[in-house]
Amino acid sequence: MKPFTEACLHGLRARLCDDVDALDSYLPPQMAQMARKVADALEVPELAAT
């Protein structure tokens, strides 16, 4: 449970800072992959221009 919680926190931080690519520089590969999935899930879709 702890690795998943840690990945969620890293993913949230990466999304808030708009720096998802930096995850690979300071996390082990498996943790970075989980955090990237969390960050991707938190991405807000842009509204279509009308």
Protein backbone atom coordinates (compact mmCIF):
# COMPACT_ATOMS: atom_id res chain seq x y z
CA MET A 1 0.00 0.00 0.00
CA LYS A 2 2.84 2.41 0.76
CA PRO A 3 4.39 2.33 -2.76
CA PHE A 4 1.00 3.13 -4.30
CA THR A 5 0.46 6.03 -1.90
CA GLU A 6 3.93 7.34 -2.66
CA ALA A 7 3.29 7.08 -6.41
CA CYS A 8 0.03 9.01 -5.99
CA LEU A 9 1.80 11.81 -4.16
CA HIS A 10 4.59 12.01 -6.73
CA GLY A 11 2.07 11.94 -9.59
CA LEU A 12 0.01 14.70 -8.01
CA ARG A 13 3.07 16.84 -7.43
CA ALA A 14 4.26 16.30 -11.01
CA ARG A 15 0.84 17.25 -12.41
CA LEU A 16 0.58 20.36 -10.22
CA CYS A 17 4.08 21.49 -11.21
CA ASP A 18 3.44 20.52 -14.84
CA ASP A 19 6.67 18.53 -14.82
CA VAL A 20 5.71 14.91 -15.43
CA ASP A 21 8.91 14.23 -17.39
CA ALA A 22 11.02 14.91 -14.28
CA LEU A 23 9.66 11.79 -12.57
CA ASP A 24 12.22 9.65 -14.37
CA SER A 25 15.11 11.71 -13.03
CA TYR A 26 14.54 11.10 -9.31
CA LEU A 27 12.40 7.98 -8.96
CA PRO A 28 13.17 4.31 -9.54
CA PRO A 29 11.70 3.13 -12.87
CA GLN A 30 8.75 1.20 -11.40
CA MET A 31 7.77 4.07 -9.08
CA ALA A 32 8.11 6.61 -11.91
CA GLN A 33 5.85 4.49 -14.11
CA MET A 34 3.13 4.33 -11.44
CA ALA A 35 3.44 8.06 -10.71
CA ARG A 36 3.20 8.85 -14.43
CA LYS A 37 -0.06 6.84 -14.64
CA VAL A 38 -1.45 8.82 -11.71
CA ALA A 39 -0.39 12.12 -13.29
CA ASP A 40 -1.98 11.10 -16.59
CA ALA A 41 -5.24 10.26 -14.83
CA LEU A 42 -5.24 13.70 -13.20
CA GLU A 43 -4.86 15.53 -16.52
CA VAL A 44 -7.73 17.91 -17.09
CA PRO A 45 -9.04 17.82 -20.66
CA GLU A 46 -9.12 21.17 -22.40
CA LEU A 47 -12.49 22.54 -23.48
CA ALA A 48 -13.19 22.67 -27.18
CA ALA A 49 -13.25 26.14 -28.71
CA THR A 50 -16.66 27.15 -30.00
